[in-house]
Amino acid sequence: MMARVTQLIFLLCVFIVITGSTDVSVRVGGSVQLDVQIKGQTFTLLLWKHSNKNIIRYYPNDNTTKKHDSYKDRVEFNNKTYTLTLKNLQKTDSGLYEAIIRSQKETTLAQYNLSVWDPVEAPVLTLYNTTDPCNSTLTCRGHDLSITSTCYKETCEEKEVTSPGGVALFLSIKDSLIICNLSNPVSWRQDNITLQSCDSGGTHILDQTHPSLLKLNRISSWLLYVLIGVVGVLLILIVLGIAYFCKKKKKGIAFYLNFFTICKFW
């Protein structure tokens, strides 16, 4: 009886090892190789399946391989190692992939849960000063996720939030550098702000290279150029108006000389 129980436990462990799935994450447009171990096992058919669709059908007796039409240009099969290579992956390629052999019975040798991801976009980190001295609020946003943290002087709260799909937003502090990091299993992007100190007015000073200040500087420069242009146009119009007035009112030499004096004064 004990021997039979031991045998059943052994078979259960083997089944778990064989059918246990592996999570794999790949960037959109990337490639992945799915491996399988076949040691001394004889079979008449090997299948690579994706969500119950047969991608590869391999017959070892005559060494022939048949590929599914929708994968012909994006899949490679090695008939010696039995590995499957998928290329130019798209998000629709996500799902369960299985390697199965058939002889007298069907055996699942490998399972892969494949997730195909877009690279994340850059998050946005914003600093809001309050009326309290050296007391500020930070907002870190990205991929429909948001974190709000409070800062006093150069000390801020570190926070993290994760979406059910595996995207993580993390607000961290290293010395006076505040980092907003957005990541998924295949990529990450950052935004950061440097808090230099608190000035005499009790507000945080941002690093002058931060995008928000660079944008403000660009706007200020643009407004300055517009103002200079408007003043220049007004001066030209005034000069032309005076010249026209002088010419129109000229009725005699005396009047001309008298008004010329006025025009010259202008």
C-alpha atoms as a PDB file:
ATOM      1  CA  MET A   1       0.000   0.000   0.000  1.00  0.00           C
ATOM      2  CA  MET A   2       2.781   2.403   0.952  1.00  0.00           C
ATOM      3  CA  ALA A   3       4.640   1.639  -2.281  1.00  0.00           C
ATOM      4  CA  ARG A   4       1.538   2.442  -4.343  1.00  0.00           C
ATOM      5  CA  VAL A   5       1.042   5.772  -2.554  1.00  0.00           C
ATOM      6  CA  THR A   6       4.705   6.643  -3.169  1.00  0.00           C
ATOM      7  CA  GLN A   7       4.317   5.808  -6.851  1.00  0.00           C
ATOM      8  CA  LEU A   8       1.228   7.999  -7.152  1.00  0.00           C
ATOM      9  CA  ILE A   9       3.046  10.919  -5.511  1.00  0.00           C
ATOM     10  CA  PHE A  10       5.964  10.475  -7.916  1.00  0.00           C
ATOM     11  CA  LEU A  11       3.671  10.448 -10.947  1.00  0.00           C
ATOM     12  CA  LEU A  12       1.879  13.557  -9.664  1.00  0.00           C
ATOM     13  CA  CYS A  13       5.189  15.405  -9.260  1.00  0.00           C
ATOM     14  CA  VAL A  14       6.249  14.422 -12.780  1.00  0.00           C
ATOM     15  CA  PHE A  15       2.925  15.677 -14.128  1.00  0.00           C
ATOM     16  CA  ILE A  16       3.327  18.999 -12.335  1.00  0.00           C
ATOM     17  CA  VAL A  17       6.875  19.471 -13.667  1.00  0.00           C
ATOM     18  CA  ILE A  18       5.854  18.606 -17.189  1.00  0.00           C
ATOM     19  CA  THR A  19       2.737  20.766 -17.302  1.00  0.00           C
ATOM     20  CA  GLY A  20       4.035  23.703 -15.266  1.00  0.00           C
ATOM     21  CA  SER A  21       3.930  26.872 -17.369  1.00  0.00           C
ATOM     22  CA  THR A  22       6.625  29.543 -17.740  1.00  0.00           C
ATOM     23  CA  ASP A  23       5.853  33.251 -18.050  1.00  0.00           C
ATOM     24  CA  VAL A  24       7.618  35.033 -20.926  1.00  0.00           C
ATOM     25  CA  SER A  25       7.451  38.758 -21.745  1.00  0.00           C
ATOM     26  CA  VAL A  26       8.523  40.252 -25.088  1.00  0.00           C
ATOM     27  CA  ARG A  27       8.409  43.734 -26.638  1.00  0.00           C
ATOM     28  CA  VAL A  28       6.171  44.326 -29.673  1.00  0.00           C
ATOM     29  CA  GLY A  29       8.151  43.513 -32.825  1.00  0.00           C
ATOM     30  CA  GLY A  30      10.594  41.288 -30.932  1.00  0.00           C
ATOM     31  CA  SER A  31      11.371  37.572 -31.107  1.00  0.00           C
ATOM     32  CA  VAL A  32      11.344  34.694 -28.640  1.00  0.00           C
ATOM     33  CA  GLN A  33      12.593  31.107 -28.606  1.00  0.00           C
ATOM     34  CA  LEU A  34      10.502  28.478 -26.828  1.00  0.00           C
ATOM     35  CA  ASP A  35      12.422  25.372 -25.798  1.00  0.00           C
ATOM     36  CA  VAL A  36      11.318  21.837 -25.068  1.00  0.00           C
ATOM     37  CA  GLN A  37      13.145  18.855 -23.554  1.00  0.00           C
ATOM     38  CA  ILE A  38      12.617  15.437 -25.161  1.00  0.00           C
ATOM     39  CA  LYS A  39      14.936  12.783 -23.735  1.00  0.00           C
ATOM     40  CA  GLY A  40      14.660   9.288 -25.138  1.00  0.00           C
ATOM     41  CA  GLN A  41      10.951   9.602 -25.801  1.00  0.00           C
ATOM     42  CA  THR A  42       9.535   8.174 -29.007  1.00  0.00           C
ATOM     43  CA  PHE A  43       6.598   9.866 -30.668  1.00  0.00           C
ATOM     44  CA  THR A  44       4.780   9.971 -33.958  1.00  0.00           C
ATOM     45  CA  LEU A  45       3.736  13.627 -33.890  1.00  0.00           C
ATOM     46  CA  LEU A  46       4.941  16.804 -32.188  1.00  0.00           C
ATOM     47  CA  LEU A  47       2.656  19.813 -31.941  1.00  0.00           C
ATOM     48  CA  TRP A  48       3.335  23.417 -31.022  1.00  0.00           C
ATOM     49  CA  LYS A  49      -0.006  25.013 -30.206  1.00  0.00           C
ATOM     50  CA  HIS A  50      -1.155  28.544 -29.464  1.00  0.00           C
ATOM     51  CA  SER A  51      -4.544  28.760 -27.775  1.00  0.00           C
ATOM     52  CA  ASN A  52      -5.563  25.408 -29.299  1.00  0.00           C
ATOM     53  CA  LYS A  53      -4.344  26.438 -32.768  1.00  0.00           C
ATOM     54  CA  ASN A  54      -1.700  24.117 -34.265  1.00  0.00           C
ATOM     55  CA  ILE A  55       1.241  26.334 -35.253  1.00  0.00           C
ATOM     56  CA  ILE A  56       3.622  23.451 -36.021  1.00  0.00           C
ATOM     57  CA  ARG A  57       2.957  19.809 -36.861  1.00  0.00           C
ATOM     58  CA  TYR A  58       6.168  17.777 -37.000  1.00  0.00           C
ATOM     59  CA  TYR A  59       6.262  14.119 -38.121  1.00  0.00           C
ATOM     60  CA  PRO A  60       9.578  12.501 -37.102  1.00  0.00           C
ATOM     61  CA  ASN A  61       9.086   9.341 -39.183  1.00  0.00           C
ATOM     62  CA  ASP A  62       9.550  11.201 -42.475  1.00  0.00           C
ATOM     63  CA  ASN A  63      11.016  14.418 -40.961  1.00  0.00           C
ATOM     64  CA  THR A  64       8.297  16.680 -42.353  1.00  0.00           C
ATOM     65  CA  THR A  65       7.017  19.907 -40.854  1.00  0.00           C
ATOM     66  CA  LYS A  66       3.747  21.679 -41.520  1.00  0.00           C
ATOM     67  CA  LYS A  67       3.196  25.303 -40.462  1.00  0.00           C
ATOM     68  CA  HIS A  68      -0.053  27.132 -39.933  1.00  0.00           C
ATOM     69  CA  ASP A  69      -0.712  29.617 -42.745  1.00  0.00           C
ATOM     70  CA  SER A  70      -0.906  32.638 -40.431  1.00  0.00           C
ATOM     71  CA  TYR A  71       2.565  31.858 -38.989  1.00  0.00           C
ATOM     72  CA  LYS A  72       4.527  30.803 -42.087  1.00  0.00           C
ATOM     73  CA  ASP A  73       6.580  33.992 -42.360  1.00  0.00           C
ATOM     74  CA  ARG A  74       6.997  34.517 -38.614  1.00  0.00           C
ATOM     75  CA  VAL A  75       7.933  31.144 -37.195  1.00  0.00           C
ATOM     76  CA  GLU A  76      10.961  28.843 -37.308  1.00  0.00           C
ATOM     77  CA  PHE A  77      11.074  25.230 -36.109  1.00  0.00           C
ATOM     78  CA  ASN A  78      14.248  23.284 -35.363  1.00  0.00           C
ATOM     79  CA  ASN A  79      13.677  19.596 -36.134  1.00  0.00           C
ATOM     80  CA  LYS A  80      16.717  18.580 -34.068  1.00  0.00           C
ATOM     81  CA  THR A  81      16.069  20.481 -30.819  1.00  0.00           C
ATOM     82  CA  TYR A  82      12.316  20.909 -31.452  1.00  0.00           C
ATOM     83  CA  THR A  83      12.489  24.565 -30.386  1.00  0.00           C
ATOM     84  CA  LEU A  84      10.017  27.104 -31.711  1.00  0.00           C
ATOM     85  CA  THR A  85      11.117  30.647 -32.615  1.00  0.00           C
ATOM     86  CA  LEU A  86       8.472  33.348 -33.061  1.00  0.00           C
ATOM     87  CA  LYS A  87       9.365  36.589 -34.865  1.00  0.00           C
ATOM     88  CA  ASN A  88       7.861  40.069 -35.240  1.00  0.00           C
ATOM     89  CA  LEU A  89       5.547  39.473 -32.318  1.00  0.00           C
ATOM     90  CA  GLN A  90       2.346  41.484 -31.967  1.00  0.00           C
ATOM     91  CA  LYS A  91       0.051  41.908 -28.989  1.00  0.00           C
ATOM     92  CA  THR A  92      -2.398  39.463 -30.561  1.00  0.00           C
ATOM     93  CA  ASP A  93       0.300  36.771 -30.239  1.00  0.00           C
ATOM     94  CA  SER A  94      -0.037  36.823 -26.452  1.00  0.00           C
ATOM     95  CA  GLY A  95      -1.409  33.684 -24.845  1.00  0.00           C
ATOM     96  CA  LEU A  96      -0.606  30.083 -23.956  1.00  0.00           C
ATOM     97  CA  TYR A  97       1.881  28.103 -26.074  1.00  0.00           C
ATOM     98  CA  GLU A  98       2.211  24.339 -25.622  1.00  0.00           C
ATOM     99  CA  ALA A  99       4.557  21.629 -26.895  1.00  0.00           C
ATOM    100  CA  ILE A 100       2.757  18.271 -27.136  1.00  0.00           C
ATOM    101  CA  ILE A 101       3.894  14.856 -28.342  1.00  0.00           C
ATOM    102  CA  ARG A 102       1.684  11.976 -29.392  1.00  0.00           C
ATOM    103  CA  SER A 103       2.461   8.292 -29.438  1.00  0.00           C
ATOM    104  CA  GLN A 104       0.135   5.891 -27.681  1.00  0.00           C
ATOM    105  CA  LYS A 105      -1.018   8.836 -25.590  1.00  0.00           C
ATOM    106  CA  GLU A 106      -0.736  12.610 -25.648  1.00  0.00           C
ATOM    107  CA  THR A 107       1.813  14.286 -23.363  1.00  0.00           C
ATOM    108  CA  THR A 108       2.322  17.982 -22.743  1.00  0.00           C
ATOM    109  CA  LEU A 109       6.056  18.681 -22.480  1.00  0.00           C
ATOM    110  CA  ALA A 110       6.149  22.473 -22.111  1.00  0.00           C
ATOM    111  CA  GLN A 111       3.833  25.418 -21.561  1.00  0.00           C
ATOM    112  CA  TYR A 112       4.612  29.121 -21.953  1.00  0.00           C
ATOM    113  CA  ASN A 113       2.404  32.063 -21.061  1.00  0.00           C
ATOM    114  CA  LEU A 114       3.586  34.680 -23.550  1.00  0.00           C
ATOM    115  CA  SER A 115       2.852  38.375 -23.025  1.00  0.00           C
ATOM    116  CA  VAL A 116       3.671  40.889 -25.771  1.00  0.00           C
ATOM    117  CA  TRP A 117       4.040  44.470 -24.548  1.00  0.00           C
ATOM    118  CA  ASP A 118       4.253  47.949 -26.001  1.00  0.00           C
ATOM    119  CA  PRO A 119       7.124  50.023 -24.548  1.00  0.00           C
ATOM    120  CA  VAL A 120       5.923  52.467 -21.903  1.00  0.00           C
ATOM    121  CA  GLU A 121       5.709  56.200 -22.542  1.00  0.00           C
ATOM    122  CA  ALA A 122       7.573  58.693 -20.383  1.00  0.00           C
ATOM    123  CA  PRO A 123       5.789  59.579 -17.121  1.00  0.00           C
ATOM    124  CA  VAL A 124       5.202  63.163 -15.963  1.00  0.00           C
ATOM    125  CA  LEU A 125       6.451  64.474 -12.622  1.00  0.00           C
ATOM    126  CA  THR A 126       4.984  67.776 -11.377  1.00  0.00           C
ATOM    127  CA  LEU A 127       5.862  69.842  -8.306  1.00  0.00           C
ATOM    128  CA  TYR A 128       3.278  72.091  -6.623  1.00  0.00           C
ATOM    129  CA  ASN A 129       4.371  74.576  -3.959  1.00  0.00           C
ATOM    130  CA  THR A 130       1.982  75.389  -1.103  1.00  0.00           C
ATOM    131  CA  THR A 131       1.646  78.344   1.240  1.00  0.00           C
ATOM    132  CA  ASP A 132       3.585  76.495   3.935  1.00  0.00           C
ATOM    133  CA  PRO A 133       7.343  77.123   3.990  1.00  0.00           C
ATOM    134  CA  CYS A 134       9.294  74.376   2.213  1.00  0.00           C
ATOM    135  CA  ASN A 135       6.167  72.214   1.997  1.00  0.00           C
ATOM    136  CA  SER A 136       5.330  70.905  -1.477  1.00  0.00           C
ATOM    137  CA  THR A 137       3.231  68.293  -3.244  1.00  0.00           C
ATOM    138  CA  LEU A 138       4.506  65.972  -5.982  1.00  0.00           C
ATOM    139  CA  THR A 139       2.376  64.250  -8.603  1.00  0.00           C
ATOM    140  CA  CYS A 140       3.760  61.354 -10.657  1.00  0.00           C
ATOM    141  CA  ARG A 141       1.550  60.212 -13.571  1.00  0.00           C
ATOM    142  CA  GLY A 142       1.815  57.588 -16.300  1.00  0.00           C
ATOM    143  CA  HIS A 143      -0.272  54.886 -18.032  1.00  0.00           C
ATOM    144  CA  ASP A 144      -3.535  55.804 -16.245  1.00  0.00           C
ATOM    145  CA  LEU A 145      -1.701  55.529 -12.917  1.00  0.00           C
ATOM    146  CA  SER A 146      -1.075  58.381 -10.494  1.00  0.00           C
ATOM    147  CA  ILE A 147       0.884  58.950  -7.289  1.00  0.00           C
ATOM    148  CA  THR A 148       0.643  61.998  -5.026  1.00  0.00           C
ATOM    149  CA  SER A 149       3.315  62.606  -2.403  1.00  0.00           C
ATOM    150  CA  THR A 150       4.071  65.405   0.049  1.00  0.00           C
ATOM    151  CA  CYS A 151       7.538  66.875   0.615  1.00  0.00           C
ATOM    152  CA  TYR A 152       9.011  68.864   3.455  1.00  0.00           C
ATOM    153  CA  LYS A 153      12.311  70.471   2.536  1.00  0.00           C
ATOM    154  CA  GLU A 154      14.234  67.663   0.765  1.00  0.00           C
ATOM    155  CA  THR A 155      12.258  64.814   2.386  1.00  0.00           C
ATOM    156  CA  CYS A 156       9.406  63.234   0.399  1.00  0.00           C
ATOM    157  CA  GLU A 157       7.244  60.132   0.688  1.00  0.00           C
ATOM    158  CA  GLU A 158       8.212  57.196  -1.533  1.00  0.00           C
ATOM    159  CA  LYS A 159       5.236  55.422  -3.070  1.00  0.00           C
ATOM    160  CA  GLU A 160       4.471  52.699  -5.615  1.00  0.00           C
ATOM    161  CA  VAL A 161       1.350  51.583  -7.450  1.00  0.00           C
ATOM    162  CA  THR A 162       0.903  48.658  -9.863  1.00  0.00           C
ATOM    163  CA  SER A 163      -1.862  47.976 -12.368  1.00  0.00           C
ATOM    164  CA  PRO A 164      -3.412  44.499 -12.693  1.00  0.00           C
ATOM    165  CA  GLY A 165      -1.739  44.205 -16.106  1.00  0.00           C
ATOM    166  CA  GLY A 166       1.785  44.488 -14.695  1.00  0.00           C
ATOM    167  CA  VAL A 167       2.592  48.184 -15.241  1.00  0.00           C
ATOM    168  CA  ALA A 168       4.293  49.788 -12.218  1.00  0.00           C
ATOM    169  CA  LEU A 169       4.618  53.458 -11.255  1.00  0.00           C
ATOM    170  CA  PHE A 170       7.212  54.246  -8.586  1.00  0.00           C
ATOM    171  CA  LEU A 171       8.127  57.532  -6.917  1.00  0.00           C
ATOM    172  CA  SER A 172      11.548  57.380  -5.269  1.00  0.00           C
ATOM    173  CA  ILE A 173      13.923  59.837  -3.614  1.00  0.00           C
ATOM    174  CA  LYS A 174      17.710  59.796  -3.740  1.00  0.00           C
ATOM    175  CA  ASP A 175      19.256  62.717  -1.851  1.00  0.00           C
ATOM    176  CA  SER A 176      17.482  65.717  -3.405  1.00  0.00           C
ATOM    177  CA  LEU A 177      16.673  63.941  -6.705  1.00  0.00           C
ATOM    178  CA  ILE A 178      13.013  62.966  -7.053  1.00  0.00           C
ATOM    179  CA  ILE A 179      12.458  60.159  -9.600  1.00  0.00           C
ATOM    180  CA  CYS A 180       9.166  59.141 -11.211  1.00  0.00           C
ATOM    181  CA  ASN A 181       9.661  55.728 -12.854  1.00  0.00           C
ATOM    182  CA  LEU A 182       7.142  53.942 -15.091  1.00  0.00           C
ATOM    183  CA  SER A 183       7.873  50.359 -16.136  1.00  0.00           C
ATOM    184  CA  ASN A 184       6.425  47.155 -17.522  1.00  0.00           C
ATOM    185  CA  PRO A 185       8.156  43.773 -17.975  1.00  0.00           C
ATOM    186  CA  VAL A 186       9.961  44.915 -21.160  1.00  0.00           C
ATOM    187  CA  SER A 187      10.711  48.648 -20.735  1.00  0.00           C
ATOM    188  CA  TRP A 188      10.978  51.601 -18.366  1.00  0.00           C
ATOM    189  CA  ARG A 189      11.016  55.418 -18.585  1.00  0.00           C
ATOM    190  CA  GLN A 190      11.731  58.161 -16.037  1.00  0.00           C
ATOM    191  CA  ASP A 191      11.113  61.804 -15.221  1.00  0.00           C
ATOM    192  CA  ASN A 192      12.931  63.595 -12.409  1.00  0.00           C
ATOM    193  CA  ILE A 193      13.151  66.850 -10.479  1.00  0.00           C
ATOM    194  CA  THR A 194      16.085  68.124  -8.423  1.00  0.00           C
ATOM    195  CA  LEU A 195      15.150  69.987  -5.252  1.00  0.00           C
ATOM    196  CA  GLN A 196      18.159  72.194  -4.596  1.00  0.00           C
ATOM    197  CA  SER A 197      17.060  73.897  -1.367  1.00  0.00           C
ATOM    198  CA  CYS A 198      14.450  76.150   0.175  1.00  0.00           C
ATOM    199  CA  ASP A 199      14.963  79.846  -0.563  1.00  0.00           C
ATOM    200  CA  SER A 200      14.355  82.709   1.852  1.00  0.00           C
ATOM    201  CA  GLY A 201      10.708  82.812   0.856  1.00  0.00           C
ATOM    202  CA  GLY A 202      10.231  79.210   1.877  1.00  0.00           C
ATOM    203  CA  THR A 203       9.647  77.649  -1.534  1.00  0.00           C
ATOM    204  CA  HIS A 204      11.454  74.871  -3.347  1.00  0.00           C
ATOM    205  CA  ILE A 205      13.895  75.751  -6.103  1.00  0.00           C
ATOM    206  CA  LEU A 206      13.730  73.431  -9.130  1.00  0.00           C
ATOM    207  CA  ASP A 207      16.668  72.407 -11.230  1.00  0.00           C
ATOM    208  CA  GLN A 208      16.823  74.844 -14.157  1.00  0.00           C
ATOM    209  CA  THR A 209      17.131  71.952 -16.627  1.00  0.00           C
ATOM    210  CA  HIS A 210      13.743  70.463 -15.774  1.00  0.00           C
ATOM    211  CA  PRO A 211      11.392  70.381 -18.805  1.00  0.00           C
ATOM    212  CA  SER A 212       8.736  72.499 -17.051  1.00  0.00           C
ATOM    213  CA  LEU A 213      11.204  75.374 -16.560  1.00  0.00           C
ATOM    214  CA  LEU A 214      12.685  74.995 -20.028  1.00  0.00           C
ATOM    215  CA  LYS A 215       9.182  75.275 -21.473  1.00  0.00           C
ATOM    216  CA  LEU A 216       8.507  78.383 -19.364  1.00  0.00           C
ATOM    217  CA  ASN A 217      11.755  79.962 -20.587  1.00  0.00           C
ATOM    218  CA  ARG A 218      10.813  79.240 -24.202  1.00  0.00           C
ATOM    219  CA  ILE A 219       7.410  80.893 -23.682  1.00  0.00           C
ATOM    220  CA  SER A 220       9.031  83.977 -22.090  1.00  0.00           C
ATOM    221  CA  SER A 221      11.474  84.325 -24.998  1.00  0.00           C
ATOM    222  CA  TRP A 222       8.624  84.052 -27.496  1.00  0.00           C
ATOM    223  CA  LEU A 223       6.635  86.779 -25.720  1.00  0.00           C
ATOM    224  CA  LEU A 224       9.705  89.046 -25.705  1.00  0.00           C
ATOM    225  CA  TYR A 225      10.152  88.638 -29.473  1.00  0.00           C
ATOM    226  CA  VAL A 226       6.467  89.447 -30.051  1.00  0.00           C
ATOM    227  CA  LEU A 227       6.701  92.587 -27.898  1.00  0.00           C
ATOM    228  CA  ILE A 228       9.792  93.827 -29.767  1.00  0.00           C
ATOM    229  CA  GLY A 229       8.053  93.244 -33.093  1.00  0.00           C
ATOM    230  CA  VAL A 230       4.920  95.164 -32.043  1.00  0.00           C
ATOM    231  CA  VAL A 231       6.968  98.148 -30.813  1.00  0.00           C
ATOM    232  CA  GLY A 232       8.965  98.197 -34.064  1.00  0.00           C
ATOM    233  CA  VAL A 233       5.804  98.226 -36.192  1.00  0.00           C
ATOM    234  CA  LEU A 234       4.318 101.070 -34.122  1.00  0.00           C
ATOM    235  CA  LEU A 235       7.470 103.187 -34.545  1.00  0.00           C
ATOM    236  CA  ILE A 236       7.417 102.680 -38.313  1.00  0.00           C
ATOM    237  CA  LEU A 237       3.734 103.690 -38.482  1.00  0.00           C
ATOM    238  CA  ILE A 238       4.411 106.848 -36.449  1.00  0.00           C
ATOM    239  CA  VAL A 239       7.279 107.908 -38.728  1.00  0.00           C
ATOM    240  CA  LEU A 240       5.219 107.277 -41.862  1.00  0.00           C
ATOM    241  CA  GLY A 241       2.281 109.210 -40.394  1.00  0.00           C
ATOM    242  CA  ILE A 242       4.413 112.247 -39.617  1.00  0.00           C
ATOM    243  CA  ALA A 243       5.960 112.192 -43.101  1.00  0.00           C
ATOM    244  CA  TYR A 244       2.541 111.987 -44.714  1.00  0.00           C
ATOM    245  CA  PHE A 245       1.242 114.824 -42.554  1.00  0.00           C
ATOM    246  CA  CYS A 246       4.218 117.019 -43.440  1.00  0.00           C
ATOM    247  CA  LYS A 247       3.748 116.432 -47.164  1.00  0.00           C
ATOM    248  CA  LYS A 248      -0.013 116.959 -47.079  1.00  0.00           C
ATOM    249  CA  LYS A 249       0.079 120.220 -45.203  1.00  0.00           C
ATOM    250  CA  LYS A 250       2.880 121.844 -47.239  1.00  0.00           C
ATOM    251  CA  LYS A 251       1.332 125.071 -48.737  1.00  0.00           C
ATOM    252  CA  GLY A 252       4.224 127.454 -48.839  1.00  0.00           C
ATOM    253  CA  ILE A 253       7.855 127.808 -48.176  1.00  0.00           C
ATOM    254  CA  ALA A 254       7.343 129.510 -44.822  1.00  0.00           C
ATOM    255  CA  PHE A 255       4.894 126.901 -43.621  1.00  0.00           C
ATOM    256  CA  TYR A 256       7.132 124.168 -44.949  1.00  0.00           C
ATOM    257  CA  LEU A 257      10.156 125.546 -43.143  1.00  0.00           C
ATOM    258  CA  ASN A 258       8.237 126.002 -39.921  1.00  0.00           C
ATOM    259  CA  PHE A 259       6.753 122.530 -40.010  1.00  0.00           C
ATOM    260  CA  PHE A 260      10.028 121.006 -41.148  1.00  0.00           C
ATOM    261  CA  THR A 261      11.476 122.273 -37.913  1.00  0.00           C
ATOM    262  CA  ILE A 262       8.763 120.406 -36.055  1.00  0.00           C
ATOM    263  CA  CYS A 263       9.312 117.271 -38.145  1.00  0.00           C
ATOM    264  CA  LYS A 264      13.029 117.488 -37.603  1.00  0.00           C
ATOM    265  CA  PHE A 265      12.400 117.714 -33.887  1.00  0.00           C
ATOM    266  CA  TRP A 266      10.447 114.473 -34.124  1.00  0.00           C
END
